[in-house]
Amino acid sequence: MFDLANWHNSETLMLNITNSVLGIVTILLIAWICGEAIYEHVILHKKTNTDQ
């Protein structure tokens, strides 16, 4: 039933590696986008506080 999770099967090894790399890249990109959004929010919040 879970043949794709078998890392010793040479037929599915590249699929598993590709999916793992894509998953890691996706998590990193989401973290980067969220970090940039938080950073921009903080910068804009500081800018509006200093203008008053």
C-alpha atoms as a PDB file:
ATOM      1  CA  MET A   1       0.000   0.000   0.000  1.00  0.00           C
ATOM      2  CA  PHE A   2       2.805   2.462   0.840  1.00  0.00           C
ATOM      3  CA  ASP A   3       5.296   1.488  -1.854  1.00  0.00           C
ATOM      4  CA  LEU A   4       6.388   5.113  -2.431  1.00  0.00           C
ATOM      5  CA  ALA A   5       7.768   5.354   1.112  1.00  0.00           C
ATOM      6  CA  ASN A   6      10.277   2.555   0.443  1.00  0.00           C
ATOM      7  CA  TRP A   7      13.675   4.271   0.151  1.00  0.00           C
ATOM      8  CA  HIS A   8      15.393   1.010  -0.812  1.00  0.00           C
ATOM      9  CA  ASN A   9      13.387   0.606  -4.022  1.00  0.00           C
ATOM     10  CA  SER A  10      15.455   2.018  -6.869  1.00  0.00           C
ATOM     11  CA  GLU A  11      12.339   2.768  -8.935  1.00  0.00           C
ATOM     12  CA  THR A  12      10.976   5.262  -6.420  1.00  0.00           C
ATOM     13  CA  LEU A  13      14.236   6.622  -4.988  1.00  0.00           C
ATOM     14  CA  MET A  14      14.461   9.636  -7.331  1.00  0.00           C
ATOM     15  CA  LEU A  15      10.775  10.415  -6.780  1.00  0.00           C
ATOM     16  CA  ASN A  16      11.295  10.401  -3.020  1.00  0.00           C
ATOM     17  CA  ILE A  17      14.412  12.568  -3.267  1.00  0.00           C
ATOM     18  CA  THR A  18      12.673  15.041  -5.578  1.00  0.00           C
ATOM     19  CA  ASN A  19       9.619  15.265  -3.342  1.00  0.00           C
ATOM     20  CA  SER A  20      11.793  15.738  -0.262  1.00  0.00           C
ATOM     21  CA  VAL A  21      13.804  18.539  -1.871  1.00  0.00           C
ATOM     22  CA  LEU A  22      10.667  20.260  -3.155  1.00  0.00           C
ATOM     23  CA  GLY A  23       9.090  20.021   0.298  1.00  0.00           C
ATOM     24  CA  ILE A  24      12.136  21.570   1.958  1.00  0.00           C
ATOM     25  CA  VAL A  25      12.301  24.348  -0.654  1.00  0.00           C
ATOM     26  CA  THR A  26       8.590  25.065  -0.178  1.00  0.00           C
ATOM     27  CA  ILE A  27       8.979  25.339   3.601  1.00  0.00           C
ATOM     28  CA  LEU A  28      12.001  27.638   3.201  1.00  0.00           C
ATOM     29  CA  LEU A  29      10.202  29.901   0.733  1.00  0.00           C
ATOM     30  CA  ILE A  30       7.121  30.162   2.953  1.00  0.00           C
ATOM     31  CA  ALA A  31       9.329  31.023   5.936  1.00  0.00           C
ATOM     32  CA  TRP A  32      11.192  33.626   3.852  1.00  0.00           C
ATOM     33  CA  ILE A  33       7.967  35.259   2.624  1.00  0.00           C
ATOM     34  CA  CYS A  34       6.509  35.345   6.144  1.00  0.00           C
ATOM     35  CA  GLY A  35       9.759  36.762   7.518  1.00  0.00           C
ATOM     36  CA  GLU A  36       9.830  39.511   4.908  1.00  0.00           C
ATOM     37  CA  ALA A  37       6.184  40.377   5.581  1.00  0.00           C
ATOM     38  CA  ILE A  38       6.839  40.625   9.325  1.00  0.00           C
ATOM     39  CA  TYR A  39       9.990  42.689   8.714  1.00  0.00           C
ATOM     40  CA  GLU A  40       8.114  45.111   6.449  1.00  0.00           C
ATOM     41  CA  HIS A  41       5.294  45.408   8.964  1.00  0.00           C
ATOM     42  CA  VAL A  42       7.771  46.256  11.732  1.00  0.00           C
ATOM     43  CA  ILE A  43       9.576  48.807   9.547  1.00  0.00           C
ATOM     44  CA  LEU A  44       6.308  50.509   8.549  1.00  0.00           C
ATOM     45  CA  HIS A  45       5.116  50.502  12.153  1.00  0.00           C
ATOM     46  CA  LYS A  46       8.357  52.142  13.341  1.00  0.00           C
ATOM     47  CA  LYS A  47       8.207  54.688  10.497  1.00  0.00           C
ATOM     48  CA  THR A  48       4.655  55.791  11.375  1.00  0.00           C
ATOM     49  CA  ASN A  49       5.560  56.057  15.062  1.00  0.00           C
ATOM     50  CA  THR A  50       8.543  58.334  14.369  1.00  0.00           C
ATOM     51  CA  ASP A  51       6.529  60.605  12.050  1.00  0.00           C
ATOM     52  CA  GLN A  52       4.094  61.605  14.797  1.00  0.00           C
END
